[in-house]
Amino acid sequence: MVVTPQIENIGLHPLFVELGEVKIKENISGKKYNALKVALLKSGLELMEDRKAILIEKIKNVIVEMIHYSDELPETNFLDLRLTRHNLY
């Protein structure tokens, strides 16, 4: 609810927004990246830039979802949580 409008206000187009992860259609320029970073900080969120921290956050999100919202084991293969340039936070 918070992230999508912030992304769109900067002129970017999100392909999907999930807990802890956003995939954006475009490559992000330095100016738009900084604008998004500031907008998210104002909303109490942050962009994660460290690849190891991003992977850890993805794993934590899968575990939280599994514990709180599912009666079944997740179909996520942790090896598939590869990092790309377009995964922002």
PDB file of N, CA and C in Angstrom:
ATOM      1  N   MET A   1       0.820  -1.198   0.000  1.00  0.00           N
ATOM      2  CA  MET A   1       0.000   0.000   0.000  1.00  0.00           C
ATOM      3  C   MET A   1       0.860   1.256   0.000  1.00  0.00           C
ATOM      4  N   VAL A   2       1.995   1.197   0.632  1.00  0.00           N
ATOM      5  CA  VAL A   2       2.867   2.364   0.734  1.00  0.00           C
ATOM      6  C   VAL A   2       3.869   2.402  -0.409  1.00  0.00           C
ATOM      7  N   VAL A   3       4.404   1.279  -0.767  1.00  0.00           N
ATOM      8  CA  VAL A   3       5.522   1.223  -1.701  1.00  0.00           C
ATOM      9  C   VAL A   3       5.102   1.536  -3.133  1.00  0.00           C
ATOM     10  N   THR A   4       4.020   0.958  -3.593  1.00  0.00           N
ATOM     11  CA  THR A   4       3.605   1.140  -4.984  1.00  0.00           C
ATOM     12  C   THR A   4       3.401   2.614  -5.347  1.00  0.00           C
ATOM     13  N   PRO A   5       2.667   3.406  -4.556  1.00  0.00           N
ATOM     14  CA  PRO A   5       2.522   4.826  -4.911  1.00  0.00           C
ATOM     15  C   PRO A   5       3.854   5.578  -4.930  1.00  0.00           C
ATOM     16  N   GLN A   6       4.762   5.226  -4.023  1.00  0.00           N
ATOM     17  CA  GLN A   6       6.066   5.884  -3.994  1.00  0.00           C
ATOM     18  C   GLN A   6       6.830   5.616  -5.286  1.00  0.00           C
ATOM     19  N   ILE A   7       6.780   4.381  -5.742  1.00  0.00           N
ATOM     20  CA  ILE A   7       7.465   3.993  -6.974  1.00  0.00           C
ATOM     21  C   ILE A   7       6.842   4.705  -8.175  1.00  0.00           C
ATOM     22  N   GLU A   8       5.526   4.703  -8.236  1.00  0.00           N
ATOM     23  CA  GLU A   8       4.827   5.312  -9.368  1.00  0.00           C
ATOM     24  C   GLU A   8       4.985   6.834  -9.396  1.00  0.00           C
ATOM     25  N   ASN A   9       5.064   7.470  -8.217  1.00  0.00           N
ATOM     26  CA  ASN A   9       5.255   8.921  -8.155  1.00  0.00           C
ATOM     27  C   ASN A   9       6.595   9.349  -8.747  1.00  0.00           C
ATOM     28  N   ILE A  10       7.548   8.471  -8.758  1.00  0.00           N
ATOM     29  CA  ILE A  10       8.869   8.764  -9.306  1.00  0.00           C
ATOM     30  C   ILE A  10       8.908   8.477 -10.808  1.00  0.00           C
ATOM     31  N   GLY A  11       7.856   7.874 -11.328  1.00  0.00           N
ATOM     32  CA  GLY A  11       7.793   7.586 -12.756  1.00  0.00           C
ATOM     33  C   GLY A  11       8.279   6.192 -13.122  1.00  0.00           C
ATOM     34  N   LEU A  12       8.316   5.293 -12.138  1.00  0.00           N
ATOM     35  CA  LEU A  12       8.721   3.917 -12.390  1.00  0.00           C
ATOM     36  C   LEU A  12       7.484   3.028 -12.412  1.00  0.00           C
ATOM     37  N   HIS A  13       7.639   1.840 -12.981  1.00  0.00           N
ATOM     38  CA  HIS A  13       6.516   0.912 -13.115  1.00  0.00           C
ATOM     39  C   HIS A  13       6.836  -0.413 -12.429  1.00  0.00           C
ATOM     40  N   PRO A  14       6.225  -0.669 -11.269  1.00  0.00           N
ATOM     41  CA  PRO A  14       6.487  -1.934 -10.573  1.00  0.00           C
ATOM     42  C   PRO A  14       5.832  -3.105 -11.294  1.00  0.00           C
ATOM     43  N   LEU A  15       6.587  -4.182 -11.459  1.00  0.00           N
ATOM     44  CA  LEU A  15       6.041  -5.407 -12.022  1.00  0.00           C
ATOM     45  C   LEU A  15       5.321  -6.203 -10.941  1.00  0.00           C
ATOM     46  N   PHE A  16       5.901  -6.244  -9.744  1.00  0.00           N
ATOM     47  CA  PHE A  16       5.216  -6.823  -8.594  1.00  0.00           C
ATOM     48  C   PHE A  16       5.792  -6.231  -7.325  1.00  0.00           C
ATOM     49  N   VAL A  17       4.945  -6.187  -6.303  1.00  0.00           N
ATOM     50  CA  VAL A  17       5.338  -5.693  -4.983  1.00  0.00           C
ATOM     51  C   VAL A  17       4.873  -6.733  -3.988  1.00  0.00           C
ATOM     52  N   GLU A  18       5.824  -7.315  -3.285  1.00  0.00           N
ATOM     53  CA  GLU A  18       5.521  -8.311  -2.256  1.00  0.00           C
ATOM     54  C   GLU A  18       6.222  -7.893  -0.979  1.00  0.00           C
ATOM     55  N   LEU A  19       5.955  -8.592   0.074  1.00  0.00           N
ATOM     56  CA  LEU A  19       6.585  -8.305   1.345  1.00  0.00           C
ATOM     57  C   LEU A  19       8.099  -8.333   1.197  1.00  0.00           C
ATOM     58  N   GLY A  20       8.726  -7.185   1.348  1.00  0.00           N
ATOM     59  CA  GLY A  20      10.177  -7.122   1.321  1.00  0.00           C
ATOM     60  C   GLY A  20      10.817  -7.145  -0.045  1.00  0.00           C
ATOM     61  N   GLU A  21      10.044  -7.102  -1.112  1.00  0.00           N
ATOM     62  CA  GLU A  21      10.645  -7.193  -2.441  1.00  0.00           C
ATOM     63  C   GLU A  21       9.797  -6.457  -3.466  1.00  0.00           C
ATOM     64  N   VAL A  22      10.502  -5.755  -4.346  1.00  0.00           N
ATOM     65  CA  VAL A  22       9.860  -5.048  -5.452  1.00  0.00           C
ATOM     66  C   VAL A  22      10.659  -5.349  -6.705  1.00  0.00           C
ATOM     67  N   LYS A  23       9.962  -5.587  -7.782  1.00  0.00           N
ATOM     68  CA  LYS A  23      10.621  -5.747  -9.072  1.00  0.00           C
ATOM     69  C   LYS A  23      10.083  -4.642  -9.966  1.00  0.00           C
ATOM     70  N   ILE A  24      10.998  -3.874 -10.549  1.00  0.00           N
ATOM     71  CA  ILE A  24      10.636  -2.725 -11.361  1.00  0.00           C
ATOM     72  C   ILE A  24      11.002  -2.996 -12.812  1.00  0.00           C
ATOM     73  N   LYS A  25      10.120  -2.565 -13.697  1.00  0.00           N
ATOM     74  CA  LYS A  25      10.272  -2.801 -15.131  1.00  0.00           C
ATOM     75  C   LYS A  25      11.542  -2.142 -15.691  1.00  0.00           C
ATOM     76  N   GLU A  26      11.796  -0.913 -15.310  1.00  0.00           N
ATOM     77  CA  GLU A  26      12.897  -0.143 -15.878  1.00  0.00           C
ATOM     78  C   GLU A  26      14.201  -0.331 -15.114  1.00  0.00           C
ATOM     79  N   ASN A  27      15.302   0.015 -15.788  1.00  0.00           N
ATOM     80  CA  ASN A  27      16.552   0.218 -15.071  1.00  0.00           C
ATOM     81  C   ASN A  27      16.442   1.576 -14.388  1.00  0.00           C
ATOM     82  N   ILE A  28      16.953   1.670 -13.194  1.00  0.00           N
ATOM     83  CA  ILE A  28      16.775   2.886 -12.411  1.00  0.00           C
ATOM     84  C   ILE A  28      18.019   3.753 -12.506  1.00  0.00           C
ATOM     85  N   SER A  29      17.812   5.019 -12.871  1.00  0.00           N
ATOM     86  CA  SER A  29      18.914   5.972 -12.910  1.00  0.00           C
ATOM     87  C   SER A  29      19.300   6.352 -11.483  1.00  0.00           C
ATOM     88  N   GLY A  30      20.470   6.908 -11.323  1.00  0.00           N
ATOM     89  CA  GLY A  30      20.929   7.326  -9.994  1.00  0.00           C
ATOM     90  C   GLY A  30      19.995   8.329  -9.348  1.00  0.00           C
ATOM     91  N   LYS A  31      19.467   9.258 -10.156  1.00  0.00           N
ATOM     92  CA  LYS A  31      18.572  10.289  -9.631  1.00  0.00           C
ATOM     93  C   LYS A  31      17.257   9.676  -9.136  1.00  0.00           C
ATOM     94  N   LYS A  32      16.672   8.778  -9.915  1.00  0.00           N
ATOM     95  CA  LYS A  32      15.420   8.133  -9.506  1.00  0.00           C
ATOM     96  C   LYS A  32      15.649   7.196  -8.322  1.00  0.00           C
ATOM     97  N   TYR A  33      16.804   6.530  -8.307  1.00  0.00           N
ATOM     98  CA  TYR A  33      17.133   5.637  -7.196  1.00  0.00           C
ATOM     99  C   TYR A  33      17.188   6.433  -5.893  1.00  0.00           C
ATOM    100  N   ASN A  34      17.872   7.570  -5.929  1.00  0.00           N
ATOM    101  CA  ASN A  34      17.974   8.403  -4.727  1.00  0.00           C
ATOM    102  C   ASN A  34      16.615   8.956  -4.326  1.00  0.00           C
ATOM    103  N   ALA A  35      15.797   9.351  -5.302  1.00  0.00           N
ATOM    104  CA  ALA A  35      14.459   9.855  -4.994  1.00  0.00           C
ATOM    105  C   ALA A  35      13.608   8.761  -4.334  1.00  0.00           C
ATOM    106  N   LEU A  36      13.702   7.541  -4.846  1.00  0.00           N
ATOM    107  CA  LEU A  36      12.960   6.425  -4.261  1.00  0.00           C
ATOM    108  C   LEU A  36      13.455   6.124  -2.853  1.00  0.00           C
ATOM    109  N   LYS A  37      14.745   6.158  -2.684  1.00  0.00           N
ATOM    110  CA  LYS A  37      15.340   5.896  -1.368  1.00  0.00           C
ATOM    111  C   LYS A  37      14.822   6.908  -0.337  1.00  0.00           C
ATOM    112  N   VAL A  38      14.799   8.186  -0.692  1.00  0.00           N
ATOM    113  CA  VAL A  38      14.313   9.233   0.208  1.00  0.00           C
ATOM    114  C   VAL A  38      12.821   9.060   0.490  1.00  0.00           C
ATOM    115  N   ALA A  39      12.033   8.777  -0.558  1.00  0.00           N
ATOM    116  CA  ALA A  39      10.587   8.604  -0.389  1.00  0.00           C
ATOM    117  C   ALA A  39      10.281   7.434   0.543  1.00  0.00           C
ATOM    118  N   LEU A  40      10.995   6.336   0.377  1.00  0.00           N
ATOM    119  CA  LEU A  40      10.759   5.177   1.237  1.00  0.00           C
ATOM    120  C   LEU A  40      11.182   5.448   2.674  1.00  0.00           C
ATOM    121  N   LEU A  41      12.296   6.160   2.854  1.00  0.00           N
ATOM    122  CA  LEU A  41      12.739   6.509   4.206  1.00  0.00           C
ATOM    123  C   LEU A  41      11.688   7.341   4.930  1.00  0.00           C
ATOM    124  N   LYS A  42      11.037   8.251   4.210  1.00  0.00           N
ATOM    125  CA  LYS A  42       9.983   9.069   4.817  1.00  0.00           C
ATOM    126  C   LYS A  42       8.803   8.209   5.265  1.00  0.00           C
ATOM    127  N   SER A  43       8.627   7.062   4.637  1.00  0.00           N
ATOM    128  CA  SER A  43       7.548   6.138   4.996  1.00  0.00           C
ATOM    129  C   SER A  43       7.997   5.096   6.015  1.00  0.00           C
ATOM    130  N   GLY A  44       9.237   5.209   6.472  1.00  0.00           N
ATOM    131  CA  GLY A  44       9.748   4.263   7.460  1.00  0.00           C
ATOM    132  C   GLY A  44      10.329   2.997   6.851  1.00  0.00           C
ATOM    133  N   LEU A  45      10.597   3.010   5.547  1.00  0.00           N
ATOM    134  CA  LEU A  45      11.166   1.860   4.859  1.00  0.00           C
ATOM    135  C   LEU A  45      12.544   2.219   4.333  1.00  0.00           C
ATOM    136  N   GLU A  46      13.298   1.216   3.929  1.00  0.00           N
ATOM    137  CA  GLU A  46      14.617   1.484   3.383  1.00  0.00           C
ATOM    138  C   GLU A  46      14.940   0.540   2.238  1.00  0.00           C
ATOM    139  N   LEU A  47      15.788   1.012   1.353  1.00  0.00           N
ATOM    140  CA  LEU A  47      16.307   0.159   0.287  1.00  0.00           C
ATOM    141  C   LEU A  47      17.503  -0.584   0.830  1.00  0.00           C
ATOM    142  N   MET A  48      17.540  -1.856   0.575  1.00  0.00           N
ATOM    143  CA  MET A  48      18.681  -2.650   1.012  1.00  0.00           C
ATOM    144  C   MET A  48      19.629  -2.793  -0.167  1.00  0.00           C
ATOM    145  N   GLU A  49      20.887  -2.456   0.057  1.00  0.00           N
ATOM    146  CA  GLU A  49      21.856  -2.460  -1.021  1.00  0.00           C
ATOM    147  C   GLU A  49      22.871  -3.601  -0.912  1.00  0.00           C
ATOM    148  N   ASP A  50      23.029  -4.148   0.257  1.00  0.00           N
ATOM    149  CA  ASP A  50      23.976  -5.231   0.471  1.00  0.00           C
ATOM    150  C   ASP A  50      23.347  -6.548   0.020  1.00  0.00           C
ATOM    151  N   ARG A  51      23.954  -7.217  -0.934  1.00  0.00           N
ATOM    152  CA  ARG A  51      23.371  -8.432  -1.512  1.00  0.00           C
ATOM    153  C   ARG A  51      23.156  -9.519  -0.463  1.00  0.00           C
ATOM    154  N   LYS A  52      24.053  -9.655   0.464  1.00  0.00           N
ATOM    155  CA  LYS A  52      23.900 -10.672   1.509  1.00  0.00           C
ATOM    156  C   LYS A  52      22.717 -10.314   2.416  1.00  0.00           C
ATOM    157  N   ALA A  53      22.576  -9.045   2.757  1.00  0.00           N
ATOM    158  CA  ALA A  53      21.461  -8.615   3.604  1.00  0.00           C
ATOM    159  C   ALA A  53      20.131  -8.821   2.890  1.00  0.00           C
ATOM    160  N   ILE A  54      20.100  -8.607   1.585  1.00  0.00           N
ATOM    161  CA  ILE A  54      18.875  -8.813   0.808  1.00  0.00           C
ATOM    162  C   ILE A  54      18.481 -10.285   0.830  1.00  0.00           C
ATOM    163  N   LEU A  55      19.441 -11.165   0.626  1.00  0.00           N
ATOM    164  CA  LEU A  55      19.155 -12.599   0.650  1.00  0.00           C
ATOM    165  C   LEU A  55      18.653 -13.029   2.031  1.00  0.00           C
ATOM    166  N   ILE A  56      19.280 -12.530   3.079  1.00  0.00           N
ATOM    167  CA  ILE A  56      18.852 -12.855   4.444  1.00  0.00           C
ATOM    168  C   ILE A  56      17.425 -12.371   4.670  1.00  0.00           C
ATOM    169  N   GLU A  57      17.107 -11.178   4.203  1.00  0.00           N
ATOM    170  CA  GLU A  57      15.759 -10.640   4.370  1.00  0.00           C
ATOM    171  C   GLU A  57      14.731 -11.482   3.622  1.00  0.00           C
ATOM    172  N   LYS A  58      15.073 -11.950   2.422  1.00  0.00           N
ATOM    173  CA  LYS A  58      14.158 -12.803   1.659  1.00  0.00           C
ATOM    174  C   LYS A  58      13.882 -14.100   2.407  1.00  0.00           C
ATOM    175  N   ILE A  59      14.916 -14.693   2.959  1.00  0.00           N
ATOM    176  CA  ILE A  59      14.751 -15.946   3.712  1.00  0.00           C
ATOM    177  C   ILE A  59      13.893 -15.704   4.951  1.00  0.00           C
ATOM    178  N   LYS A  60      14.139 -14.609   5.652  1.00  0.00           N
ATOM    179  CA  LYS A  60      13.331 -14.281   6.829  1.00  0.00           C
ATOM    180  C   LYS A  60      11.865 -14.089   6.464  1.00  0.00           C
ATOM    181  N   ASN A  61      11.598 -13.436   5.344  1.00  0.00           N
ATOM    182  CA  ASN A  61      10.212 -13.211   4.929  1.00  0.00           C
ATOM    183  C   ASN A  61       9.494 -14.520   4.622  1.00  0.00           C
ATOM    184  N   VAL A  62      10.187 -15.456   3.990  1.00  0.00           N
ATOM    185  CA  VAL A  62       9.588 -16.766   3.701  1.00  0.00           C
ATOM    186  C   VAL A  62       9.280 -17.493   5.005  1.00  0.00           C
ATOM    187  N   ILE A  63      10.184 -17.435   5.956  1.00  0.00           N
ATOM    188  CA  ILE A  63       9.984 -18.112   7.239  1.00  0.00           C
ATOM    189  C   ILE A  63       8.816 -17.483   7.999  1.00  0.00           C
ATOM    190  N   VAL A  64       8.754 -16.152   8.046  1.00  0.00           N
ATOM    191  CA  VAL A  64       7.653 -15.469   8.729  1.00  0.00           C
ATOM    192  C   VAL A  64       6.321 -15.829   8.085  1.00  0.00           C
ATOM    193  N   GLU A  65       6.279 -15.812   6.764  1.00  0.00           N
ATOM    194  CA  GLU A  65       5.045 -16.171   6.066  1.00  0.00           C
ATOM    195  C   GLU A  65       4.642 -17.602   6.373  1.00  0.00           C
ATOM    196  N   MET A  66       5.608 -18.496   6.402  1.00  0.00           N
ATOM    197  CA  MET A  66       5.333 -19.899   6.671  1.00  0.00           C
ATOM    198  C   MET A  66       4.780 -20.083   8.088  1.00  0.00           C
ATOM    199  N   ILE A  67       5.353 -19.404   9.045  1.00  0.00           N
ATOM    200  CA  ILE A  67       4.942 -19.566  10.442  1.00  0.00           C
ATOM    201  C   ILE A  67       3.579 -18.940  10.708  1.00  0.00           C
ATOM    202  N   HIS A  68       3.351 -17.751  10.179  1.00  0.00           N
ATOM    203  CA  HIS A  68       2.152 -17.001  10.537  1.00  0.00           C
ATOM    204  C   HIS A  68       0.963 -17.197   9.604  1.00  0.00           C
ATOM    205  N   TYR A  69       1.219 -17.527   8.358  1.00  0.00           N
ATOM    206  CA  TYR A  69       0.124 -17.472   7.398  1.00  0.00           C
ATOM    207  C   TYR A  69      -0.141 -18.776   6.652  1.00  0.00           C
ATOM    208  N   SER A  70       0.564 -19.835   6.967  1.00  0.00           N
ATOM    209  CA  SER A  70       0.394 -21.036   6.174  1.00  0.00           C
ATOM    210  C   SER A  70       0.347 -22.274   7.047  1.00  0.00           C
ATOM    211  N   ASP A  71      -0.501 -23.199   6.651  1.00  0.00           N
ATOM    212  CA  ASP A  71      -0.544 -24.492   7.318  1.00  0.00           C
ATOM    213  C   ASP A  71       0.302 -25.513   6.569  1.00  0.00           C
ATOM    214  N   GLU A  72       0.796 -25.118   5.404  1.00  0.00           N
ATOM    215  CA  GLU A  72       1.603 -26.009   4.572  1.00  0.00           C
ATOM    216  C   GLU A  72       3.022 -25.476   4.460  1.00  0.00           C
ATOM    217  N   LEU A  73       3.931 -26.349   4.111  1.00  0.00           N
ATOM    218  CA  LEU A  73       5.297 -25.919   3.883  1.00  0.00           C
ATOM    219  C   LEU A  73       5.356 -25.082   2.607  1.00  0.00           C
ATOM    220  N   PRO A  74       6.221 -24.072   2.568  1.00  0.00           N
ATOM    221  CA  PRO A  74       6.314 -23.246   1.368  1.00  0.00           C
ATOM    222  C   PRO A  74       6.941 -24.019   0.217  1.00  0.00           C
ATOM    223  N   GLU A  75       6.605 -23.597  -0.980  1.00  0.00           N
ATOM    224  CA  GLU A  75       7.176 -24.218  -2.167  1.00  0.00           C
ATOM    225  C   GLU A  75       8.459 -23.510  -2.584  1.00  0.00           C
ATOM    226  N   THR A  76       8.891 -22.545  -1.803  1.00  0.00           N
ATOM    227  CA  THR A  76      10.090 -21.777  -2.130  1.00  0.00           C
ATOM    228  C   THR A  76      11.328 -22.622  -1.962  1.00  0.00           C
ATOM    229  N   ASN A  77      12.141 -22.622  -2.975  1.00  0.00           N
ATOM    230  CA  ASN A  77      13.457 -23.230  -2.907  1.00  0.00           C
ATOM    231  C   ASN A  77      14.428 -22.086  -2.631  1.00  0.00           C
ATOM    232  N   PHE A  78      15.090 -22.110  -1.483  1.00  0.00           N
ATOM    233  CA  PHE A  78      15.955 -20.996  -1.114  1.00  0.00           C
ATOM    234  C   PHE A  78      17.069 -20.757  -2.119  1.00  0.00           C
ATOM    235  N   LEU A  79      17.419 -21.757  -2.884  1.00  0.00           N
ATOM    236  CA  LEU A  79      18.425 -21.558  -3.922  1.00  0.00           C
ATOM    237  C   LEU A  79      17.882 -20.694  -5.056  1.00  0.00           C
ATOM    238  N   ASP A  80      16.558 -20.616  -5.168  1.00  0.00           N
ATOM    239  CA  ASP A  80      15.950 -19.803  -6.216  1.00  0.00           C
ATOM    240  C   ASP A  80      15.833 -18.333  -5.828  1.00  0.00           C
ATOM    241  N   LEU A  81      16.222 -17.975  -4.626  1.00  0.00           N
ATOM    242  CA  LEU A  81      16.145 -16.589  -4.191  1.00  0.00           C
ATOM    243  C   LEU A  81      17.365 -15.805  -4.687  1.00  0.00           C
ATOM    244  N   ARG A  82      17.618 -15.940  -5.967  1.00  0.00           N
ATOM    245  CA  ARG A  82      18.752 -15.246  -6.558  1.00  0.00           C
ATOM    246  C   ARG A  82      18.489 -13.748  -6.556  1.00  0.00           C
ATOM    247  N   LEU A  83      19.571 -13.010  -6.482  1.00  0.00           N
ATOM    248  CA  LEU A  83      19.476 -11.562  -6.451  1.00  0.00           C
ATOM    249  C   LEU A  83      19.679 -11.002  -7.851  1.00  0.00           C
ATOM    250  N   THR A  84      18.865 -10.038  -8.203  1.00  0.00           N
ATOM    251  CA  THR A  84      19.023  -9.359  -9.475  1.00  0.00           C
ATOM    252  C   THR A  84      19.123  -7.867  -9.221  1.00  0.00           C
ATOM    253  N   ARG A  85      19.476  -7.131 -10.231  1.00  0.00           N
ATOM    254  CA  ARG A  85      19.606  -5.693 -10.088  1.00  0.00           C
ATOM    255  C   ARG A  85      18.280  -5.027  -9.793  1.00  0.00           C
ATOM    256  N   HIS A  86      17.171  -5.659 -10.139  1.00  0.00           N
ATOM    257  CA  HIS A  86      15.880  -5.007 -10.013  1.00  0.00           C
ATOM    258  C   HIS A  86      15.173  -5.337  -8.701  1.00  0.00           C
ATOM    259  N   ASN A  87      15.725  -6.192  -7.886  1.00  0.00           N
ATOM    260  CA  ASN A  87      15.153  -6.456  -6.565  1.00  0.00           C
ATOM    261  C   ASN A  87      15.658  -5.362  -5.657  1.00  0.00           C
ATOM    262  N   LEU A  88      14.763  -4.544  -5.140  1.00  0.00           N
ATOM    263  CA  LEU A  88      15.197  -3.336  -4.490  1.00  0.00           C
ATOM    264  C   LEU A  88      15.338  -3.433  -2.984  1.00  0.00           C
ATOM    265  N   TYR A  89      14.370  -4.002  -2.307  1.00  0.00           N
ATOM    266  CA  TYR A  89      14.472  -3.980  -0.866  1.00  0.00           C
ATOM    267  C   TYR A  89      14.009  -5.269  -0.292  1.00  0.00           C
TER     268      TYR A  89
END
